[in-house]
Amino acid sequence: MNEEQYIKDRVEDQIKWYGTKSAANKRMHLWTKGLIISFSAFIPLISGFLKSGPEYLNYVVGALGMVVAILTGISELMKFQEKWAKYRTTAETLKHEKFLYMTKSGHYHAEKAQFNQFVSRIETYISTENSEWSKIISQEE
């Protein structure tokens, strides 16, 4: 595999994948937290009407409490925030390494086997992230 093909097929592909996964986890984290905050805020508001309001409000308060508990559990179980941060960090690290290599800056400035070092560093970042992801998943179980 040559340099251009590796950058296109491996590095760019991984940057895109991590960016997409980061965005999806960010979206899920913000949605679940936003819903938790909103539903939690309605519980005391509706509770104020329990004595003078219709009886079904008791069920509404109970249902809101249940939804808050479920969303909190899902958010903790799926670890959206942790995944979002990890994926974004990996995507940015890969971009940074690619730019250093492309401009022959940093540790690529005086190296002889620049492409080999670049591949080695990229694969190490990806492998490390995969190990971290495996740890996060095993914590979920």
Protein backbone atom coordinates (compact mmCIF):
# COMPACT_ATOMS: atom_id res chain seq x y z
CA MET A 1 0.00 0.00 0.00
CA ASN A 2 1.45 3.33 -0.97
CA GLU A 3 1.39 6.58 1.00
CA GLU A 4 -1.53 8.21 -0.83
CA GLN A 5 -3.66 5.07 -0.63
CA TYR A 6 -2.92 4.59 3.08
CA ILE A 7 -3.84 8.18 3.92
CA LYS A 8 -7.05 7.99 1.89
CA ASP A 9 -8.19 4.45 2.72
CA ARG A 10 -7.03 4.18 6.30
CA VAL A 11 -6.36 7.55 7.91
CA GLU A 12 -9.15 9.59 6.30
CA ASP A 13 -11.58 6.70 6.74
CA GLN A 14 -10.76 6.42 10.44
CA ILE A 15 -10.98 10.18 10.97
CA LYS A 16 -14.42 10.15 9.35
CA TRP A 17 -15.56 7.12 11.36
CA TYR A 18 -14.44 8.58 14.70
CA GLY A 19 -15.94 11.96 13.81
CA THR A 20 -19.29 10.38 12.94
CA LYS A 21 -19.34 8.26 16.10
CA SER A 22 -18.35 11.24 18.21
CA ALA A 23 -21.18 13.35 16.78
CA ALA A 24 -23.73 10.56 17.31
CA ASN A 25 -22.69 10.05 20.93
CA LYS A 26 -22.70 13.81 21.55
CA ARG A 27 -26.21 14.04 20.13
CA MET A 28 -27.43 11.14 22.30
CA HIS A 29 -25.75 12.55 25.41
CA LEU A 30 -27.30 15.99 24.93
CA TRP A 31 -30.73 14.56 24.16
CA THR A 32 -30.83 12.24 27.16
CA LYS A 33 -29.51 14.92 29.54
CA GLY A 34 -31.90 17.51 28.10
CA LEU A 35 -34.87 15.19 28.54
CA ILE A 36 -33.80 14.27 32.06
CA ILE A 37 -33.58 17.94 33.03
CA SER A 38 -36.91 18.79 31.41
CA PHE A 39 -38.86 15.89 32.87
CA SER A 40 -37.27 16.39 36.28
CA ALA A 41 -38.34 20.03 36.26
CA PHE A 42 -41.96 19.08 35.54
CA ILE A 43 -42.23 16.75 38.54
CA PRO A 44 -42.26 19.47 41.24
CA LEU A 45 -44.41 21.73 39.06
CA ILE A 46 -47.10 19.10 38.55
CA SER A 47 -46.80 17.95 42.17
CA GLY A 48 -47.98 21.39 43.24
CA PHE A 49 -51.34 20.70 41.58
CA LEU A 50 -51.90 17.23 43.08
CA LYS A 51 -54.25 18.35 45.88
CA SER A 52 -56.46 20.59 43.78
CA GLY A 53 -56.01 19.06 40.33
CA PRO A 54 -57.38 15.97 38.65
CA GLU A 55 -56.38 12.56 40.01
CA TYR A 56 -54.54 11.52 36.85
CA LEU A 57 -51.76 13.98 37.80
CA ASN A 58 -50.54 11.37 40.31
CA TYR A 59 -49.92 9.05 37.37
CA VAL A 60 -48.25 11.79 35.37
CA VAL A 61 -45.79 12.50 38.21
CA GLY A 62 -45.10 8.77 38.57
CA ALA A 63 -44.60 8.34 34.84
CA LEU A 64 -42.23 11.32 34.66
CA GLY A 65 -40.20 9.91 37.56
CA MET A 66 -40.04 6.56 35.79
CA VAL A 67 -38.92 8.18 32.51
CA VAL A 68 -36.22 10.15 34.33
CA ALA A 69 -34.93 6.96 35.96
CA ILE A 70 -34.94 5.07 32.65
CA LEU A 71 -33.16 7.87 30.75
CA THR A 72 -30.57 8.21 33.51
CA GLY A 73 -29.95 4.48 33.43
CA ILE A 74 -29.63 4.38 29.66
CA SER A 75 -27.26 7.35 29.68
CA GLU A 76 -25.04 5.70 32.29
CA LEU A 77 -25.20 2.29 30.65
CA MET A 78 -24.40 3.49 27.15
CA LYS A 79 -21.74 5.98 28.34
CA PHE A 80 -22.56 8.50 25.63
CA GLN A 81 -20.45 11.27 27.16
CA GLU A 82 -17.36 9.07 27.62
CA LYS A 83 -17.60 7.71 24.08
CA TRP A 84 -18.17 11.17 22.64
CA ALA A 85 -15.02 12.51 24.31
CA LYS A 86 -12.91 9.47 23.44
CA TYR A 87 -13.96 9.36 19.79
CA ARG A 88 -13.44 13.12 19.38
CA THR A 89 -9.99 12.90 20.97
CA THR A 90 -8.99 10.05 18.68
CA ALA A 91 -10.27 11.83 15.56
CA GLU A 92 -8.38 15.00 16.48
CA THR A 93 -5.22 13.04 17.30
CA LEU A 94 -5.34 11.32 13.91
CA LYS A 95 -5.88 14.66 12.15
CA HIS A 96 -2.98 16.20 14.07
CA GLU A 97 -0.67 13.32 13.17
CA LYS A 98 -1.72 13.49 9.52
CA PHE A 99 -0.99 17.22 9.33
CA LEU A 100 2.39 16.79 11.00
CA TYR A 101 3.26 14.10 8.48
CA MET A 102 1.95 16.01 5.46
CA THR A 103 3.94 19.13 6.39
CA LYS A 104 7.00 17.14 7.53
CA SER A 105 6.77 18.94 10.88
CA GLY A 106 7.38 17.86 14.46
CA HIS A 107 8.93 14.44 14.80
CA TYR A 108 8.71 13.93 11.00
CA HIS A 109 11.09 16.81 10.33
CA ALA A 110 14.35 14.88 10.41
CA GLU A 111 13.23 11.25 10.34
CA LYS A 112 14.45 8.96 7.57
CA ALA A 113 11.62 6.40 7.46
CA GLN A 114 8.85 8.98 7.79
CA PHE A 115 6.08 6.94 6.19
CA ASN A 116 6.89 3.86 8.28
CA GLN A 117 6.87 5.95 11.45
CA PHE A 118 3.61 7.61 10.40
CA VAL A 119 1.90 4.26 9.80
CA SER A 120 3.22 2.93 13.08
CA ARG A 121 1.96 5.93 15.04
CA ILE A 122 -1.47 5.91 13.35
CA GLU A 123 -1.93 2.20 13.95
CA THR A 124 -0.87 2.62 17.58
CA TYR A 125 -3.48 5.36 18.11
CA ILE A 126 -6.19 3.22 16.54
CA SER A 127 -5.16 0.14 18.50
CA THR A 128 -5.04 2.09 21.76
CA GLU A 129 -8.48 3.54 21.13
CA ASN A 130 -9.84 0.07 20.37
CA SER A 131 -8.45 -1.16 23.68
CA GLU A 132 -10.03 1.77 25.50
CA TRP A 133 -13.35 1.12 23.77
CA SER A 134 -13.16 -2.51 24.84
CA LYS A 135 -12.66 -1.39 28.46
CA ILE A 136 -15.69 0.93 28.24
CA ILE A 137 -17.85 -1.85 26.79
CA SER A 138 -16.75 -4.36 29.42
CA GLN A 139 -17.64 -1.82 32.12
CA GLU A 140 -21.12 -1.60 30.59
CA GLU A 141 -21.65 -5.31 31.00
